[in-house]
Amino acid sequence: MLAADPRPMSLAPLDGTPVRLFVFAGSVIASFWTEGRCRETFGAGDYRDGWYLVDDDVVELDDPWGWEPLTRACVRVENETVSLMP
C-alpha cells in the first residue's frame, strides 16, 4: 500500500534509520549509508553515499521520490527480526 502523501526526500533521515522508500516499482525498506559508514563496516573500497535495501546492502536505490517512517516496531530482515526501537 502506497502512502497517500509521502514525505519529501529532503527530510529523510540520513543516520541509517530504516524507512519505507517509494520508488518506481512500489515501496521498499531501505536505509541511508554514508561513505564513512560503508568504509567502517566493509573496509577499504570505493563507496558513495546512498540508499540501500535493508535486506541486501549491495542494491542501491536511485531516485526514490518519497519516504515514510516504518509503522511497526520491528522489520523482517533475512529471516531475522530486527528491532527498530533503541
Protein backbone atom coordinates (compact mmCIF):
# COMPACT_ATOMS: atom_id res chain seq x y z
CA MET A 1 0.00 0.00 0.00
CA LEU A 2 1.45 3.36 -1.02
CA ALA A 3 1.26 6.34 1.27
CA ALA A 4 -1.21 8.99 0.16
CA ASP A 5 1.27 11.75 0.98
CA PRO A 6 4.88 10.51 1.21
CA ARG A 7 7.42 12.82 2.82
CA PRO A 8 9.96 14.59 0.58
CA MET A 9 13.41 13.02 0.31
CA SER A 10 14.97 16.25 1.58
CA LEU A 11 13.51 15.37 5.03
CA ALA A 12 14.58 11.70 5.07
CA PRO A 13 16.84 10.59 7.95
CA LEU A 14 20.46 10.17 6.87
CA ASP A 15 21.58 8.41 10.07
CA GLY A 16 20.98 4.83 8.90
CA THR A 17 17.42 4.59 10.25
CA PRO A 18 15.39 2.12 8.15
CA VAL A 19 12.44 3.77 6.38
CA ARG A 20 9.95 2.82 3.67
CA LEU A 21 11.10 4.37 0.38
CA PHE A 22 8.80 4.88 -2.57
CA VAL A 23 10.40 4.00 -5.90
CA PHE A 24 9.09 3.44 -9.42
CA ALA A 25 8.07 -0.19 -8.69
CA GLY A 26 6.34 0.38 -5.33
CA SER A 27 7.94 0.62 -1.92
CA VAL A 28 10.93 -0.97 -0.18
CA ILE A 29 12.59 -0.86 3.23
CA ALA A 30 15.95 0.90 2.97
CA SER A 31 18.44 2.97 4.94
CA PHE A 32 20.95 5.64 4.04
CA TRP A 33 24.63 4.69 4.10
CA THR A 34 27.38 7.30 4.08
CA GLU A 35 30.75 6.66 2.51
CA GLY A 36 32.29 6.64 6.01
CA ARG A 37 29.75 4.15 7.38
CA CYS A 38 30.44 1.82 4.45
CA ARG A 39 34.19 2.05 4.99
CA GLU A 40 33.83 1.34 8.73
CA THR A 41 31.56 -1.64 8.10
CA PHE A 42 33.11 -3.20 4.98
CA GLY A 43 36.73 -1.97 4.99
CA ALA A 44 38.65 -0.22 2.25
CA GLY A 45 36.84 0.30 -1.04
CA ASP A 46 35.27 2.78 -3.41
CA TYR A 47 31.95 3.71 -1.77
CA ARG A 48 29.47 6.53 -2.19
CA ASP A 49 26.64 7.90 -0.10
CA GLY A 50 23.28 6.38 -0.99
CA TRP A 51 20.08 4.49 -0.14
CA TYR A 52 20.45 0.73 0.09
CA LEU A 53 17.96 -2.09 0.69
CA VAL A 54 17.98 -3.22 4.32
CA ASP A 55 17.96 -6.90 3.36
CA ASP A 56 20.54 -6.62 0.55
CA ASP A 57 23.20 -3.95 1.09
CA VAL A 58 24.55 -4.23 -2.47
CA VAL A 59 21.30 -2.98 -4.05
CA GLU A 60 21.41 0.81 -4.23
CA LEU A 61 18.19 2.69 -4.85
CA ASP A 62 18.48 5.63 -7.21
CA ASP A 63 15.99 8.49 -7.22
CA PRO A 64 13.39 7.48 -4.63
CA TRP A 65 10.54 10.00 -4.79
CA GLY A 66 9.37 9.89 -1.19
CA TRP A 67 9.53 8.11 2.14
CA GLU A 68 7.60 7.38 5.32
CA PRO A 69 8.67 6.10 8.73
CA LEU A 70 8.05 2.44 9.43
CA THR A 71 4.84 1.95 11.36
CA ARG A 72 5.76 -1.31 13.09
CA ALA A 73 8.23 -1.75 15.94
CA CYS A 74 10.09 -4.47 14.00
CA VAL A 75 11.00 -5.29 10.42
CA ARG A 76 11.84 -8.73 9.00
CA VAL A 77 15.37 -8.86 7.58
CA GLU A 78 16.77 -12.07 6.07
CA ASN A 79 14.69 -14.32 8.36
CA GLU A 80 15.61 -12.34 11.47
CA THR A 81 13.58 -9.79 13.39
CA VAL A 82 15.40 -6.51 13.85
CA SER A 83 14.07 -4.12 16.47
CA LEU A 84 13.70 -0.52 15.38
CA MET A 85 13.48 0.69 18.96
CA PRO A 86 16.65 1.52 20.94
